[in-house]
Each structure stands twice: as C-alpha cells, then as structure tokens.
N, C-alpha and C. Protein backbone atom coordinates (compact mmCIF):
# COMPACT_ATOMS: atom_id res chain seq x y z
N MET A 1 92.66 12.96 -3.99
CA MET A 1 91.18 13.38 -3.81
C MET A 1 91.10 14.08 -2.39
N ARG A 2 91.72 13.41 -1.29
CA ARG A 2 91.67 14.03 -0.54
C ARG A 2 92.01 15.62 -0.25
N PHE A 3 93.25 15.73 -1.19
CA PHE A 3 94.04 17.06 -1.30
C PHE A 3 92.91 18.24 -2.01
N LEU A 4 92.10 17.66 -2.91
CA LEU A 4 91.26 18.19 -3.64
C LEU A 4 90.01 18.79 -2.77
N LEU A 5 89.49 17.69 -2.24
CA LEU A 5 88.59 18.25 -0.65
C LEU A 5 88.91 19.26 0.04
N ARG A 6 90.39 19.19 0.22
CA ARG A 6 90.46 19.94 1.24
C ARG A 6 90.97 21.55 0.48
N SER A 7 91.03 21.44 -0.55
CA SER A 7 91.30 22.77 -1.44
C SER A 7 89.88 23.42 -1.48
N CYS A 8 88.95 22.61 -2.03
CA CYS A 8 87.59 23.18 -2.16
C CYS A 8 86.81 23.34 -0.96
N GLY A 9 87.45 22.86 0.29
CA GLY A 9 87.01 23.64 1.88
C GLY A 9 87.45 24.73 2.07
N MET A 10 88.83 24.75 1.26
CA MET A 10 89.18 26.07 1.92
C MET A 10 89.35 27.15 0.80
N VAL A 11 88.62 27.01 -0.35
CA VAL A 11 87.87 27.92 -1.14
C VAL A 11 86.86 28.48 -0.42
N LEU A 12 85.96 27.39 -0.36
CA LEU A 12 84.64 27.70 0.29
C LEU A 12 84.84 28.55 1.67
N VAL A 13 85.50 27.91 2.32
CA VAL A 13 85.59 29.05 3.63
C VAL A 13 86.21 30.15 3.42
N LEU A 14 87.27 30.74 2.26
CA LEU A 14 87.50 31.69 1.87
C LEU A 14 86.55 32.70 1.47
N ALA A 15 85.36 32.02 0.51
CA ALA A 15 84.34 32.81 -0.06
C ALA A 15 83.54 33.17 0.75
N ALA A 16 83.03 32.46 1.61
CA ALA A 16 82.17 32.83 3.28
C ALA A 16 82.92 33.77 3.61
N THR A 17 84.56 33.81 4.34
CA THR A 17 84.61 34.90 5.14
C THR A 17 84.78 36.46 3.96
N ALA A 18 85.32 36.40 2.67
CA ALA A 18 85.48 37.41 1.51
C ALA A 18 83.61 37.34 1.70
N ALA A 19 82.55 36.95 1.42
CA ALA A 19 80.83 37.40 1.65
C ALA A 19 80.47 38.28 2.70
N GLN A 20 81.58 38.13 4.22
CA GLN A 20 80.52 38.46 5.23
C GLN A 20 81.48 40.18 4.75
N ALA A 21 80.10 40.90 5.59
CA ALA A 21 80.64 42.44 5.57
C ALA A 21 80.75 42.13 7.06
N ASP A 22 81.55 43.26 7.64
CA ASP A 22 81.71 43.79 9.19
C ASP A 22 81.30 45.43 8.89
N SER A 23 80.94 45.48 9.99
CA SER A 23 80.41 46.71 10.34
C SER A 23 81.36 47.35 11.49
N ILE A 24 82.25 48.58 11.73
CA ILE A 24 82.94 49.18 12.22
C ILE A 24 81.92 50.34 13.04
N VAL A 25 81.75 50.35 14.06
CA VAL A 25 80.96 51.25 14.74
C VAL A 25 82.07 52.37 15.71
N PHE A 26 82.51 53.23 15.31
CA PHE A 26 83.16 54.08 15.83
C PHE A 26 82.48 54.82 17.37
N LYS A 27 83.21 55.51 18.23
CA LYS A 27 82.84 55.71 19.93
C LYS A 27 82.35 57.20 19.02
N THR A 28 82.29 57.86 18.11
CA THR A 28 81.51 59.04 17.63
C THR A 28 80.00 58.57 16.70
N GLY A 29 80.06 56.96 16.84
CA GLY A 29 78.90 56.84 16.35
C GLY A 29 78.88 56.48 14.70
N GLN A 30 79.58 56.93 13.81
CA GLN A 30 79.68 56.57 12.66
C GLN A 30 80.06 55.38 12.58
N VAL A 31 79.23 54.87 11.20
CA VAL A 31 79.86 53.62 10.86
C VAL A 31 80.70 53.21 9.65
N LEU A 32 81.49 52.33 9.60
CA LEU A 32 82.13 52.16 8.55
C LEU A 32 82.01 50.26 7.97
N GLU A 33 81.84 50.28 6.77
CA GLU A 33 81.73 48.89 6.59
C GLU A 33 82.31 48.41 5.51
N GLY A 34 83.08 47.19 5.48
CA GLY A 34 83.86 46.67 4.67
C GLY A 34 84.23 45.35 5.34
N THR A 35 85.24 44.62 5.05
CA THR A 35 85.99 43.30 5.56
C THR A 35 87.05 43.51 6.57
N VAL A 36 86.90 42.65 7.66
CA VAL A 36 88.23 42.85 8.48
C VAL A 36 89.37 41.88 7.99
N LEU A 37 90.48 42.33 7.25
CA LEU A 37 91.41 41.40 6.85
C LEU A 37 92.54 41.25 8.41
N LYS A 38 93.15 42.14 8.62
CA LYS A 38 94.02 41.53 10.13
C LYS A 38 93.65 42.44 11.19
N GLU A 39 94.01 41.62 12.36
CA GLU A 39 93.49 42.62 13.58
C GLU A 39 94.33 42.50 14.47
N ASN A 40 94.89 43.03 15.35
CA ASN A 40 96.02 42.95 16.78
C ASN A 40 95.24 43.89 17.85
N ASP A 41 96.18 44.11 18.61
CA ASP A 41 95.66 44.87 20.11
C ASP A 41 95.51 45.82 19.99
N THR A 42 96.07 46.87 18.82
CA THR A 42 96.19 48.22 18.89
C THR A 42 94.97 48.83 16.99
N THR A 43 95.28 47.57 16.10
CA THR A 43 94.56 48.17 15.00
C THR A 43 93.88 47.05 14.59
N LEU A 44 93.16 47.74 13.46
CA LEU A 44 92.34 46.92 12.36
C LEU A 44 92.53 47.29 11.22
N GLU A 45 92.95 46.15 10.31
CA GLU A 45 93.06 46.72 9.23
C GLU A 45 91.71 46.26 8.30
N LEU A 46 91.17 47.09 7.55
CA LEU A 46 89.75 46.86 7.05
C LEU A 46 89.71 46.84 5.56
N ALA A 47 89.22 45.87 4.46
CA ALA A 47 88.96 46.15 3.04
C ALA A 47 87.91 46.72 2.87
N VAL A 48 88.01 47.97 2.21
CA VAL A 48 86.84 48.92 1.93
C VAL A 48 86.51 49.08 0.51
N GLU A 49 85.08 49.20 -0.02
CA GLU A 49 84.96 49.49 -1.26
C GLU A 49 86.50 50.15 -2.69
N TYR A 50 87.33 51.37 -1.76
CA TYR A 50 88.38 51.70 -2.81
C TYR A 50 89.63 51.56 -2.55
N GLY A 51 89.70 50.28 -1.39
CA GLY A 51 91.23 49.72 -0.97
C GLY A 51 91.15 49.27 0.51
N THR A 52 92.07 49.59 0.99
CA THR A 52 92.23 49.05 2.82
C THR A 52 92.58 50.20 3.68
N ILE A 53 92.27 50.05 4.91
CA ILE A 53 92.52 51.36 6.03
C ILE A 53 92.61 50.60 7.00
N LEU A 54 93.52 51.13 7.72
CA LEU A 54 94.26 50.91 8.86
C LEU A 54 93.53 51.75 10.20
N VAL A 55 92.47 51.13 10.91
CA VAL A 55 91.95 51.92 12.01
C VAL A 55 92.41 51.67 13.73
N SER A 56 92.43 52.52 14.23
CA SER A 56 93.28 52.49 15.94
C SER A 56 91.85 51.70 16.50
N ARG A 57 92.42 50.76 16.95
CA ARG A 57 91.33 49.88 18.11
C ARG A 57 90.45 51.15 19.25
N ASP A 58 91.44 52.33 19.85
CA ASP A 58 90.89 52.80 20.75
C ASP A 58 89.69 54.10 20.38
N LYS A 59 89.77 53.84 19.20
CA LYS A 59 88.36 55.24 18.33
C LYS A 59 87.02 53.77 17.94
N ILE A 60 87.47 52.51 18.26
CA ILE A 60 86.30 51.60 17.81
C ILE A 60 85.44 51.44 19.32
N LEU A 61 84.41 51.80 19.01
CA LEU A 61 82.90 51.18 19.89
C LEU A 61 82.79 49.48 19.64
N ARG A 62 82.84 49.16 18.45
CA ARG A 62 82.31 47.94 18.53
C ARG A 62 82.61 47.69 16.47
N VAL A 63 82.69 46.11 16.81
CA VAL A 63 82.89 45.14 14.99
C VAL A 63 81.56 44.62 15.06
N GLU A 64 80.81 45.01 14.28
CA GLU A 64 79.62 43.90 13.85
C GLU A 64 79.95 42.95 12.62
N SER A 65 79.66 41.69 12.99
CA SER A 65 80.08 41.10 11.50
C SER A 65 78.43 40.72 11.19
N GLU A 66 78.74 40.29 10.02
CA GLU A 66 77.30 40.14 9.20
C GLU A 66 77.61 38.75 8.63
N SER A 67 76.62 37.64 8.84
CA SER A 67 76.53 36.61 7.90
C SER A 67 76.29 36.84 6.44
N ILE A 68 76.23 35.45 6.07
CA ILE A 68 75.78 35.59 4.33
C ILE A 68 74.49 35.88 4.13
N SER A 69 73.41 35.23 5.25
CA SER A 69 72.25 35.76 5.25
C SER A 69 71.67 37.13 5.45
N GLN A 70 72.45 37.53 6.73
CA GLN A 70 72.30 39.15 6.55
C GLN A 70 72.66 40.02 5.93
N LYS A 71 73.70 39.62 5.41
CA LYS A 71 74.22 40.37 4.26
C LYS A 71 72.61 40.47 3.08
N ALA A 72 72.67 39.17 2.73
CA ALA A 72 71.23 39.06 1.57
C ALA A 72 70.05 39.79 1.83
N ASP A 73 69.82 39.62 3.32
CA ASP A 73 68.61 40.17 4.04
C ASP A 73 68.60 42.18 3.49
N ARG A 74 69.77 42.36 3.96
CA ARG A 74 70.26 43.85 3.98
C ARG A 74 70.08 44.22 2.00
N GLU A 75 70.40 43.38 1.64
CA GLU A 75 70.87 43.73 0.04
C GLU A 75 69.64 43.56 -0.59
N ALA A 76 68.54 42.97 0.16
CA ALA A 76 66.97 43.16 -0.18
C ALA A 76 66.25 43.72 -0.07
N ARG A 77 66.42 44.55 1.68
CA ARG A 77 65.97 45.66 2.03
C ARG A 77 66.41 46.85 1.23
N GLN A 78 68.06 46.70 0.73
CA GLN A 78 68.27 48.09 0.12
C GLN A 78 67.82 48.42 -1.53
N GLN A 79 67.83 46.99 -1.92
CA GLN A 79 66.57 47.04 -3.29
C GLN A 79 65.15 47.12 -2.90
N GLU A 80 64.27 47.24 -2.24
CA GLU A 80 62.96 47.79 -2.01
C GLU A 80 63.48 49.06 -1.67
N GLU A 81 64.47 49.61 -0.74
CA GLU A 81 63.95 50.90 -0.72
C GLU A 81 64.34 51.62 -1.76
N ARG A 82 65.36 50.85 -2.73
CA ARG A 82 65.75 51.33 -4.30
C ARG A 82 64.40 51.47 -5.10
N GLU A 83 63.42 50.83 -5.12
CA GLU A 83 62.38 50.07 -5.48
C GLU A 83 61.24 51.53 -5.30
N PHE A 84 61.23 51.32 -4.00
CA PHE A 84 59.69 52.28 -3.19
C PHE A 84 60.65 53.59 -3.43
N LEU A 85 61.89 54.30 -3.51
CA LEU A 85 62.12 55.39 -3.88
C LEU A 85 61.71 55.72 -5.48
N ALA A 86 61.95 54.88 -6.40
CA ALA A 86 61.49 55.04 -7.81
C ALA A 86 60.24 55.49 -8.12
N ARG A 87 59.44 54.20 -7.42
CA ARG A 87 58.16 54.59 -7.35
C ARG A 87 57.60 56.09 -6.95
N MET A 88 58.09 56.36 -5.49
CA MET A 88 57.34 57.38 -5.11
C MET A 88 57.74 58.61 -6.19
N LYS A 89 59.37 58.70 -6.64
CA LYS A 89 59.87 59.65 -7.68
C LYS A 89 58.77 59.82 -8.90
N SER A 90 58.69 58.64 -9.38
CA SER A 90 57.57 58.48 -10.77
C SER A 90 56.13 59.05 -10.79
N GLU A 91 55.32 59.01 -8.93
CA GLU A 91 54.04 59.75 -8.81
C GLU A 91 54.77 61.02 -8.31
N GLY A 92 55.96 61.42 -8.46
CA GLY A 92 55.99 63.15 -8.13
C GLY A 92 55.83 63.27 -7.02
N ARG A 93 56.44 62.34 -5.67
CA ARG A 93 56.39 62.67 -4.54
C ARG A 93 57.89 63.13 -4.52
N VAL A 94 58.15 63.73 -3.13
CA VAL A 94 59.46 63.54 -2.44
C VAL A 94 59.61 63.61 -1.04
N LEU A 95 60.37 63.33 -0.07
CA LEU A 95 60.58 62.71 1.14
C LEU A 95 60.71 64.45 1.73
N HIS A 96 59.62 64.84 2.43
CA HIS A 96 59.78 65.96 3.34
C HIS A 96 59.51 65.44 5.06
N LYS A 97 60.51 65.89 5.78
CA LYS A 97 60.26 65.64 7.55
C LYS A 97 59.47 64.29 7.33
N GLY A 98 59.95 63.39 6.75
CA GLY A 98 59.83 61.65 7.23
C GLY A 98 58.52 61.19 6.24
N LYS A 99 57.88 62.16 5.51
CA LYS A 99 56.80 61.96 4.86
C LYS A 99 57.03 61.96 3.41
N TRP A 100 56.19 61.12 2.60
CA TRP A 100 56.31 61.50 1.41
C TRP A 100 55.16 62.12 0.64
N ILE A 101 55.37 63.36 0.09
CA ILE A 101 54.22 64.31 -0.38
C ILE A 101 54.27 64.65 -1.54
N THR A 102 53.44 65.56 -2.28
CA THR A 102 53.65 66.13 -3.53
C THR A 102 54.41 66.99 -3.65
N GLU A 103 54.86 67.80 -4.60
CA GLU A 103 55.28 68.90 -4.88
C GLU A 103 54.67 70.16 -4.09
N GLU A 104 53.20 69.65 -4.50
CA GLU A 104 52.37 71.07 -4.37
C GLU A 104 52.47 71.39 -2.72
N GLU A 105 52.08 69.63 -2.23
CA GLU A 105 52.18 69.79 -0.77
C GLU A 105 53.15 70.55 0.16
N LYS A 106 54.22 70.16 -0.33
CA LYS A 106 55.64 70.34 -0.08
C LYS A 106 55.76 72.01 -0.06
N ARG A 107 55.32 72.48 -1.23
CA ARG A 107 55.25 74.23 -1.58
C ARG A 107 54.84 74.43 -0.59
N ALA A 108 53.48 74.23 -0.32
CA ALA A 108 52.45 75.04 0.82
C ALA A 108 52.84 74.57 2.26
N VAL A 109 53.54 73.49 2.78
CA VAL A 109 54.32 73.53 3.81
C VAL A 109 55.52 74.49 3.95
N ASP A 110 56.09 74.65 3.10
CA ASP A 110 57.22 75.54 2.66
C ASP A 110 56.90 76.74 3.06
N GLU A 111 55.81 77.22 2.40
CA GLU A 111 54.86 78.91 2.27
C GLU A 111 54.75 78.88 3.74
N LYS A 112 53.75 78.11 4.40
CA LYS A 112 53.47 78.04 5.82
C LYS A 112 54.69 78.12 6.89
N LEU A 113 55.35 77.48 6.58
CA LEU A 113 56.53 77.53 7.66
C LEU A 113 57.64 78.98 7.02
N ALA A 114 57.51 79.42 5.89
CA ALA A 114 58.21 80.45 5.98
C ALA A 114 57.23 81.86 6.43
N GLU A 115 56.14 81.87 6.16
CA GLU A 115 55.00 82.72 7.18
C GLU A 115 55.21 82.83 8.44
N GLU A 116 55.28 81.36 9.05
CA GLU A 116 55.59 81.14 10.49
C GLU A 116 56.61 81.98 10.90
N LYS A 117 57.79 81.70 10.74
CA LYS A 117 59.32 82.26 10.47
C LYS A 117 59.37 84.05 10.26
N ARG A 118 58.48 84.44 8.95
CA ARG A 118 58.04 85.97 9.05
C ARG A 118 57.57 86.53 10.03
N LYS A 119 56.70 85.53 10.44
CA LYS A 119 55.92 86.42 11.80
C LYS A 119 57.04 86.36 12.93
N GLN A 120 57.73 85.39 13.46
CA GLN A 120 58.18 85.30 14.61
C GLN A 120 60.00 86.70 14.24
N ASP A 121 59.83 86.54 12.86
CA ASP A 121 60.77 87.66 12.49
C ASP A 121 60.20 88.94 13.01
N GLU A 122 59.07 89.10 12.54
CA GLU A 122 58.63 90.43 12.67
C GLU A 122 58.24 90.50 14.38
N ALA A 123 57.81 89.51 15.17
CA ALA A 123 57.64 89.60 16.17
C ALA A 123 58.99 89.53 17.20
N LYS A 124 60.05 89.38 16.79
CA LYS A 124 61.37 89.56 17.41
C LYS A 124 61.72 90.79 17.08
N LYS A 125 61.53 91.56 15.91
CA LYS A 125 61.90 92.98 15.48
C LYS A 125 61.27 93.64 16.31
N LYS A 126 60.00 92.93 16.33
CA LYS A 126 58.86 94.63 17.58
C LYS A 126 59.21 94.54 18.99
N ALA A 127 59.53 93.34 19.52
CA ALA A 127 60.30 93.11 20.83
C ALA A 127 61.24 94.13 20.57
N ALA A 128 62.24 93.68 19.77
CA ALA A 128 63.64 94.79 20.06
C ALA A 128 63.55 95.90 19.98
N GLU A 129 62.68 96.24 18.72
CA GLU A 129 62.10 97.50 18.93
C GLU A 129 61.56 98.33 20.38
N GLU A 130 60.96 97.86 20.68
CA GLU A 130 60.12 98.45 21.96
C GLU A 130 60.77 98.24 23.22
N ALA A 131 61.72 97.54 23.02
CA ALA A 131 62.91 97.08 24.23
C ALA A 131 63.66 98.22 23.94
N ALA A 132 64.50 98.64 22.45
CA ALA A 132 65.30 100.09 22.18
C ALA A 132 64.37 100.99 23.13
N LYS A 133 63.15 101.12 22.73
CA LYS A 133 62.20 102.32 23.15
C LYS A 133 62.22 102.64 24.46
N LYS A 134 61.95 101.96 24.99
CA LYS A 134 61.88 101.41 26.40
C LYS A 134 62.96 101.92 27.05
N LYS A 135 64.20 101.41 26.82
CA LYS A 135 65.74 101.60 27.20
C LYS A 135 65.88 103.27 26.95
N ALA A 136 65.30 103.85 25.72
CA ALA A 136 65.49 105.16 25.52
C ALA A 136 64.37 106.03 26.66
N GLU A 137 63.83 105.76 26.54
CA GLU A 137 62.63 106.42 27.55
C GLU A 137 63.10 106.72 28.96
N GLU A 138 63.90 105.30 29.42
CA GLU A 138 64.39 105.19 30.74
C GLU A 138 65.57 106.15 30.80
N GLN A 139 66.57 106.06 29.57
CA GLN A 139 67.60 106.76 29.89
C GLN A 139 67.31 108.64 29.96
N LYS A 140 66.24 108.97 28.76
CA LYS A 140 66.05 110.02 29.34
C LYS A 140 65.27 110.56 30.44
N LYS A 141 64.34 109.57 31.00
CA LYS A 141 63.88 109.65 32.42
C LYS A 141 65.04 110.17 33.23
N LEU A 142 66.24 109.36 33.29
CA LEU A 142 67.10 109.18 33.85
C LEU A 142 68.17 110.45 33.95
N ALA A 143 68.60 110.94 32.50
CA ALA A 143 69.03 111.93 32.33
C ALA A 143 68.00 113.30 32.86
N GLU A 144 66.89 113.27 32.61
CA GLU A 144 65.93 114.54 33.25
C GLU A 144 65.89 114.29 34.71
N GLN A 145 66.20 113.22 35.08
CA GLN A 145 66.60 113.26 37.02
C GLN A 145 67.69 113.83 37.50
N ARG A 146 68.75 113.45 36.76
CA ARG A 146 69.99 113.89 36.70
C ARG A 146 70.16 115.39 36.60
N LYS A 147 69.38 115.56 35.89
CA LYS A 147 69.63 117.64 35.39
C LYS A 147 68.86 118.06 36.68
N ARG A 148 67.67 117.27 37.08
CA ARG A 148 66.69 118.31 37.93
C ARG A 148 67.71 118.10 39.35
N GLU A 149 68.58 116.96 39.50
CA GLU A 149 69.52 117.04 40.99
C GLU A 149 70.41 117.98 40.74
N GLU A 150 71.28 118.06 39.50
CA GLU A 150 71.98 118.82 39.19
C GLU A 150 71.75 120.27 39.76
N GLU A 151 70.70 120.89 39.20
CA GLU A 151 69.78 122.42 38.97
C GLU A 151 69.20 122.38 40.92
N ALA A 152 69.11 121.20 41.62
CA ALA A 152 68.48 121.51 42.85
C ALA A 152 69.92 121.41 43.58
N ARG A 153 71.01 120.88 43.00
CA ARG A 153 72.59 121.01 43.53
C ARG A 153 73.03 122.65 43.71
N ARG A 154 73.13 123.06 42.37
CA ARG A 154 73.06 124.70 41.79
C ARG A 154 72.22 125.40 42.78
N GLU A 155 71.35 125.06 43.12
CA GLU A 155 70.64 125.96 43.90
C GLU A 155 70.69 125.84 45.36
N ASN A 156 70.53 124.85 45.55
CA ASN A 156 71.58 124.73 47.17
C ASN A 156 72.29 125.56 47.37
N ASP A 157 73.71 125.24 46.25
CA ASP A 157 75.00 125.93 46.52
C ASP A 157 74.78 127.45 46.50
N GLU A 158 73.88 128.07 45.50
CA GLU A 158 73.64 129.38 45.21
C GLU A 158 72.92 129.89 46.83
N LYS A 159 72.10 129.26 47.05
CA LYS A 159 71.33 130.09 48.44
C LYS A 159 72.62 129.68 49.50
N SER A 160 73.22 128.75 49.92
CA SER A 160 74.17 128.60 51.10
C SER A 160 75.59 129.53 50.45
N GLU A 161 75.73 130.50 49.32
CA GLU A 161 76.60 131.22 48.77
C GLU A 161 75.90 132.61 49.37
N ARG A 162 74.49 133.08 48.84
CA ARG A 162 74.12 134.22 49.32
C ARG A 162 73.54 134.23 50.86
N ALA A 163 73.67 133.01 51.35
CA ALA A 163 73.39 132.80 53.20
C ALA A 163 74.69 133.52 53.62
N LYS A 164 75.85 132.37 52.96
CA LYS A 164 77.33 133.54 53.29
C LYS A 164 77.46 134.60 53.02
N ARG A 165 77.39 135.39 52.14
CA ARG A 165 77.65 136.46 51.66
C ARG A 165 76.62 137.53 52.64
N PHE A 166 75.26 137.29 53.00
CA PHE A 166 74.55 137.78 53.78
C PHE A 166 75.16 137.97 55.42
N GLU A 167 75.68 136.58 55.53
CA GLU A 167 76.35 136.49 57.10
C GLU A 167 77.61 137.78 57.09
N GLU A 168 78.05 137.12 55.88
CA GLU A 168 79.83 138.33 55.61
C GLU A 168 79.13 139.87 55.66
N ARG A 169 78.24 139.98 55.13
CA ARG A 169 77.59 141.50 55.33
C ARG A 169 77.20 141.62 56.55
N LYS A 170 76.22 140.70 57.31
CA LYS A 170 76.17 141.08 58.37
C LYS A 170 76.84 141.62 59.62
N SER A 171 78.20 140.09 59.33
CA SER A 171 79.06 140.57 60.39
C SER A 171 79.99 142.12 59.93
N GLY A 172 80.02 142.16 58.73
CA GLY A 172 81.05 143.08 58.26
C GLY A 172 79.80 144.22 58.58
N LYS A 173 79.21 144.65 58.77
CA LYS A 173 77.87 145.75 58.97
C LYS A 173 78.30 145.91 60.26
N GLU A 174 78.10 144.94 61.40
CA GLU A 174 78.08 144.96 62.26
C GLU A 174 79.39 145.32 62.83
N ARG A 175 80.34 144.96 62.38
CA ARG A 175 81.79 145.47 62.74
C ARG A 175 81.96 147.13 62.30
N VAL A 176 81.29 147.40 61.00
CA VAL A 176 81.40 149.04 61.05
C VAL A 176 80.59 149.57 61.69
N ASP A 177 79.70 149.17 62.09
CA ASP A 177 78.66 149.79 63.14
C ASP A 177 79.57 149.67 64.72
N ARG A 178 79.78 148.81 64.69
CA ARG A 178 80.90 149.07 66.34
C ARG A 178 81.97 149.94 66.29
N ASN A 179 82.77 149.73 64.69
CA ASN A 179 83.91 150.47 64.83
C ASN A 179 83.41 152.16 64.55
N LYS A 180 82.08 152.37 64.24
CA LYS A 180 81.53 153.65 64.30
C LYS A 180 80.94 154.08 65.47
N SER A 181 80.72 153.26 66.24
CA SER A 181 80.19 153.31 67.63
C SER A 181 81.80 154.02 68.65
N ASN A 182 82.28 153.10 68.15
CA ASN A 182 83.54 152.85 68.81
C ASN A 182 84.37 154.63 68.45
N GLN A 183 84.17 154.77 67.29
CA GLN A 183 84.77 156.11 66.62
C GLN A 183 84.14 157.49 67.47
N LYS A 184 82.85 157.12 67.51
CA LYS A 184 82.03 157.78 68.39
C LYS A 184 82.15 158.63 69.64
N SER A 185 82.03 157.17 70.08
CA SER A 185 82.57 156.91 71.62
C SER A 185 83.78 157.88 71.31
N GLU A 186 85.02 157.22 71.00
CA GLU A 186 86.14 157.98 71.21
C GLU A 186 86.05 159.42 70.85
N ARG A 187 85.32 159.60 69.88
CA ARG A 187 85.06 161.43 69.57
C ARG A 187 84.59 161.88 70.90
N THR A 188 83.17 161.35 71.44
CA THR A 188 82.87 162.00 72.27
C THR A 188 83.57 162.20 73.48
N THR A 189 84.57 161.22 73.82
CA THR A 189 85.17 161.14 75.06
C THR A 189 86.54 162.28 74.78
N THR A 190 87.11 162.41 73.64
CA THR A 190 88.09 163.49 73.27
C THR A 190 87.18 164.46 73.45
N GLN A 191 86.18 165.02 72.93
CA GLN A 191 85.38 166.23 72.82
C GLN A 191 84.90 166.57 74.86
N ASP A 192 85.22 165.80 74.79
CA ASP A 192 84.91 165.74 76.50
C ASP A 192 86.06 166.30 77.03
N GLU A 193 87.43 165.46 76.57
CA GLU A 193 88.19 165.88 77.54
C GLU A 193 88.63 167.21 76.89
N TRP A 194 88.71 167.72 75.89
CA TRP A 194 88.93 169.16 75.39
C TRP A 194 87.81 169.82 76.04
N ASP A 195 86.87 169.79 76.47
CA ASP A 195 85.91 170.67 76.90
C ASP A 195 86.25 170.67 78.55
C-alpha cells in the first residue's frame, strides 16, 4: 500500500512537472516556450513541440516557469483571442494598425496613406528638381564668372604686351634717333674736317 501511494505521488509530481511550461527569454528579446528537461552551468535542455534542443546559458536572459493555473489562464486567454478573431472575421473586420476596421475603412485608410505618400514623393521630386536647377544656375554663373575673369586676364596680358612693344619701339626709335643723330654729327664732323 505504501508503495502504491509513493508511486501515485511520483506520477502526480511528474504529471505536474510535465504540465508546467517554461519560457526561455533570450538576450535578443525572443521567447521560446517548452519544458526544461535538464540544466547545468553551461546549457539547458528544453523539450519543445517538435523535439528537444540544447540552449547555451550565455544566450539566455531568464527562464520563466509557468504553473498549472498560469497555463490554464494562458490557454483561456488564447481561446478567447481565437474566438474574438473569428467573430471579427465573420463581421468582415480586419486588424489594421491596432484597430479592427471593415475592409472599406481599410481601403479608405490605405488610399489616404497612398495619396499622402504620393504627395510626399512629388514634393521630394520637386525639391530635388529645384535643387538641381539651382545647382545648374550656380554652375552657369560660375562658368560665366570664370569666362569673364579669363577675358579680363587676356585683355590685361594684351595691354601689357602692347605696352611692352610700345616701350620697345619707343626705345628702339630713340636708339635709331640717337644713331642718326650720332651719324649726323659724325658726318658734320667729317665734313668740317674736310673743309
């Protein structure tokens, strides 16, 4: 009899343990549900729906165990959610941005959003075109300014060249005049000597 009681007690403890669900919360924020079978300092063995997996402890943020009553509450909530979802779908409603609305309302919202996006895209395109136009105008002004500067530089170079040639001619003419003057004075001197 005692053996039978002990065996029944063990079966109840194992059943309670098997009924418990554990949630493994990873450091990434993801959650994996199952039942912890074994654990040590480095790994944790977890029974999941389709088998068992080993999870490295350094990837785990925390392990949350669920009691039988918590599991029943969770399952009841899930059932309520499924029923609510079925009712919403039967009424022709869809979940859109956290609200249950009809297909027509969703279409209207989507059309409004599409129109706003189209306007934003047009505004961006217009701004880009204006920026490109402004840049082209600035480049044109810059090219014109460079052209004027180049023309002014050439004009100054030409003036300098003319002035230089003028000075050369002037100094050359003065040399020629001096040479002529010297030649005249030499002739005069030579004639005077002959006389």
